[in-house]
C-alpha atoms as a PDB file:
ATOM      1  CA  MET A   1     -40.647 -82.494-249.881  1.00  0.00           C
ATOM      2  CA  GLN A   2     -41.039 -78.873-250.846  1.00  0.00           C
ATOM      3  CA  ILE A   3     -38.373 -76.377-249.764  1.00  0.00           C
ATOM      4  CA  VAL A   4     -39.553 -72.778-249.482  1.00  0.00           C
ATOM      5  CA  MET A   5     -37.846 -69.503-248.625  1.00  0.00           C
ATOM      6  CA  ILE A   6     -40.319 -67.887-246.207  1.00  0.00           C
ATOM      7  CA  PRO A   7     -41.492 -69.791-243.105  1.00  0.00           C
ATOM      8  CA  ARG A   8     -45.142 -70.798-242.910  1.00  0.00           C
ATOM      9  CA  SER A   9     -45.479 -71.918-239.297  1.00  0.00           C
ATOM     10  CA  TYR A  10     -45.858 -69.604-236.329  1.00  0.00           C
ATOM     11  CA  LEU A  11     -42.678 -70.859-234.654  1.00  0.00           C
ATOM     12  CA  GLY A  12     -40.768 -70.579-237.915  1.00  0.00           C
ATOM     13  CA  LYS A  13     -41.696 -66.917-238.113  1.00  0.00           C
ATOM     14  CA  TRP A  14     -40.659 -66.466-234.481  1.00  0.00           C
ATOM     15  CA  SER A  15     -37.338 -68.144-235.186  1.00  0.00           C
ATOM     16  CA  LEU A  16     -36.743 -65.861-238.154  1.00  0.00           C
ATOM     17  CA  GLY A  17     -37.658 -62.790-236.087  1.00  0.00           C
ATOM     18  CA  LEU A  18     -35.332 -63.847-233.280  1.00  0.00           C
ATOM     19  CA  ALA A  19     -32.542 -64.398-235.799  1.00  0.00           C
ATOM     20  CA  GLY A  20     -33.075 -60.868-237.118  1.00  0.00           C
ATOM     21  CA  THR A  21     -33.064 -59.496-233.570  1.00  0.00           C
ATOM     22  CA  PHE A  22     -29.854 -61.396-232.912  1.00  0.00           C
ATOM     23  CA  MET A  23     -28.172 -59.929-235.988  1.00  0.00           C
ATOM     24  CA  ILE A  24     -29.161 -56.372-235.047  1.00  0.00           C
ATOM     25  CA  ALA A  25     -27.985 -56.838-231.439  1.00  0.00           C
ATOM     26  CA  PHE A  26     -24.742 -58.437-232.652  1.00  0.00           C
ATOM     27  CA  ILE A  27     -24.006 -55.500-234.956  1.00  0.00           C
ATOM     28  CA  VAL A  28     -24.769 -53.020-232.148  1.00  0.00           C
ATOM     29  CA  PHE A  29     -22.424 -54.955-229.841  1.00  0.00           C
ATOM     30  CA  LEU A  30     -19.670 -54.885-232.466  1.00  0.00           C
ATOM     31  CA  VAL A  31     -20.099 -51.157-233.052  1.00  0.00           C
ATOM     32  CA  LEU A  32     -20.041 -50.404-229.318  1.00  0.00           C
ATOM     33  CA  THR A  33     -16.883 -52.417-228.746  1.00  0.00           C
ATOM     34  CA  GLN A  34     -14.971 -51.182-231.812  1.00  0.00           C
ATOM     35  CA  VAL A  35     -14.744 -47.503-230.877  1.00  0.00           C
ATOM     36  CA  PRO A  36     -11.338 -46.216-229.691  1.00  0.00           C
ATOM     37  CA  THR A  37     -10.239 -48.409-226.836  1.00  0.00           C
ATOM     38  CA  GLY A  38      -9.182 -47.574-223.325  1.00  0.00           C
ATOM     39  CA  PHE A  39      -6.740 -49.339-221.041  1.00  0.00           C
ATOM     40  CA  ASN A  40      -8.493 -52.732-220.839  1.00  0.00           C
ATOM     41  CA  GLY A  41      -9.305 -53.087-224.554  1.00  0.00           C
ATOM     42  CA  LEU A  42     -12.851 -51.785-224.123  1.00  0.00           C
ATOM     43  CA  PRO A  43     -14.064 -48.293-224.952  1.00  0.00           C
ATOM     44  CA  PRO A  44     -13.430 -45.653-222.279  1.00  0.00           C
ATOM     45  CA  GLY A  45     -16.194 -45.814-219.678  1.00  0.00           C
ATOM     46  CA  PHE A  46     -17.406 -49.207-220.965  1.00  0.00           C
ATOM     47  CA  ASP A  47     -17.748 -51.601-218.063  1.00  0.00           C
ATOM     48  CA  PRO A  48     -16.594 -55.203-218.679  1.00  0.00           C
ATOM     49  CA  LEU A  49     -19.659 -56.380-216.755  1.00  0.00           C
ATOM     50  CA  VAL A  50     -21.878 -54.690-219.348  1.00  0.00           C
ATOM     51  CA  ALA A  51     -19.961 -56.491-222.110  1.00  0.00           C
ATOM     52  CA  PHE A  52     -20.470 -59.818-220.330  1.00  0.00           C
ATOM     53  CA  ILE A  53     -24.190 -59.177-219.822  1.00  0.00           C
ATOM     54  CA  PHE A  54     -24.609 -58.149-223.463  1.00  0.00           C
ATOM     55  CA  ALA A  55     -22.786 -61.319-224.567  1.00  0.00           C
ATOM     56  CA  MET A  56     -25.085 -63.433-222.396  1.00  0.00           C
ATOM     57  CA  VAL A  57     -28.138 -61.690-223.904  1.00  0.00           C
ATOM     58  CA  LEU A  58     -26.805 -62.670-227.331  1.00  0.00           C
ATOM     59  CA  VAL A  59     -26.428 -66.269-226.141  1.00  0.00           C
ATOM     60  CA  VAL A  60     -30.008 -66.325-224.814  1.00  0.00           C
ATOM     61  CA  ILE A  61     -31.371 -64.951-228.103  1.00  0.00           C
ATOM     62  CA  SER A  62     -29.284 -67.521-229.972  1.00  0.00           C
ATOM     63  CA  VAL A  63     -30.601 -70.419-227.871  1.00  0.00           C
ATOM     64  CA  ALA A  64     -34.187 -69.183-228.288  1.00  0.00           C
ATOM     65  CA  THR A  65     -33.696 -68.992-232.062  1.00  0.00           C
ATOM     66  CA  ILE A  66     -32.304 -72.507-232.237  1.00  0.00           C
ATOM     67  CA  VAL A  67     -34.992 -74.004-229.988  1.00  0.00           C
ATOM     68  CA  THR A  68     -37.915 -72.391-231.836  1.00  0.00           C
ATOM     69  CA  GLY A  69     -36.319 -73.290-235.162  1.00  0.00           C
ATOM     70  CA  LEU A  70     -35.837 -76.924-234.169  1.00  0.00           C
ATOM     71  CA  ILE A  71     -39.389 -77.212-232.866  1.00  0.00           C
ATOM     72  CA  SER A  72     -40.727 -75.758-236.105  1.00  0.00           C
ATOM     73  CA  LEU A  73     -38.511 -78.087-238.159  1.00  0.00           C
ATOM     74  CA  ILE A  74     -39.409 -81.244-236.263  1.00  0.00           C
ATOM     75  CA  LYS A  75     -42.982 -80.731-235.099  1.00  0.00           C
ATOM     76  CA  HIS A  76     -44.434 -78.518-237.822  1.00  0.00           C
ATOM     77  CA  LYS A  77     -42.305 -79.887-240.709  1.00  0.00           C
ATOM     78  CA  GLU A  78     -41.010 -76.391-241.543  1.00  0.00           C
ATOM     79  CA  ARG A  79     -38.619 -76.484-244.494  1.00  0.00           C
ATOM     80  CA  SER A  80     -37.774 -72.813-244.859  1.00  0.00           C
ATOM     81  CA  THR A  81     -34.241 -71.958-245.927  1.00  0.00           C
ATOM     82  CA  LEU A  82     -34.377 -68.721-243.935  1.00  0.00           C
ATOM     83  CA  VAL A  83     -35.169 -70.583-240.714  1.00  0.00           C
ATOM     84  CA  ILE A  84     -32.350 -73.065-241.284  1.00  0.00           C
ATOM     85  CA  GLY A  85     -29.919 -70.293-242.252  1.00  0.00           C
ATOM     86  CA  GLY A  86     -30.915 -68.193-239.246  1.00  0.00           C
ATOM     87  CA  MET A  87     -30.352 -71.154-236.952  1.00  0.00           C
ATOM     88  CA  ILE A  88     -26.900 -71.783-238.398  1.00  0.00           C
ATOM     89  CA  ILE A  89     -25.864 -68.118-238.194  1.00  0.00           C
ATOM     90  CA  THR A  90     -27.069 -67.645-234.636  1.00  0.00           C
ATOM     91  CA  PHE A  91     -25.481 -70.927-233.564  1.00  0.00           C
ATOM     92  CA  TRP A  92     -22.139 -69.972-235.022  1.00  0.00           C
ATOM     93  CA  PHE A  93     -21.947 -66.357-233.878  1.00  0.00           C
ATOM     94  CA  GLY A  94     -24.021 -66.684-230.727  1.00  0.00           C
ATOM     95  CA  LEU A  95     -23.022 -69.865-229.019  1.00  0.00           C
ATOM     96  CA  VAL A  96     -19.620 -70.652-230.477  1.00  0.00           C
ATOM     97  CA  GLY A  97     -18.469 -67.023-230.603  1.00  0.00           C
ATOM     98  CA  ALA A  98     -19.780 -65.689-227.305  1.00  0.00           C
ATOM     99  CA  VAL A  99     -19.086 -68.783-225.248  1.00  0.00           C
ATOM    100  CA  GLY A 100     -15.691 -69.320-226.890  1.00  0.00           C
ATOM    101  CA  GLN A 101     -14.743 -65.736-226.159  1.00  0.00           C
ATOM    102  CA  TYR A 102     -14.994 -66.368-222.429  1.00  0.00           C
ATOM    103  CA  LEU A 103     -13.478 -69.857-222.477  1.00  0.00           C
ATOM    104  CA  ILE A 104     -10.230 -68.828-224.141  1.00  0.00           C
END
């Protein structure tokens, strides 16, 4: 079994692209929520509904990354370290972080 760095299958490339999109959106979300805070812990004029919607968008991107990555791993025998790493990162920050934020 040969382990490579860059994905070769179409779904592996999609999974890697979705993981990159997730990381960019996650950083934007962190920057938007870390500016000086108002009364409710969010930036002044920042609606909590917008924060919830943005968190759900991150969860959807995370699920899409994991699903496309798993399909490429199982069906197309993709053994790219970037695909596996992207799946782990988006699982941890996307599903565990965003869902856990609203459960606690």
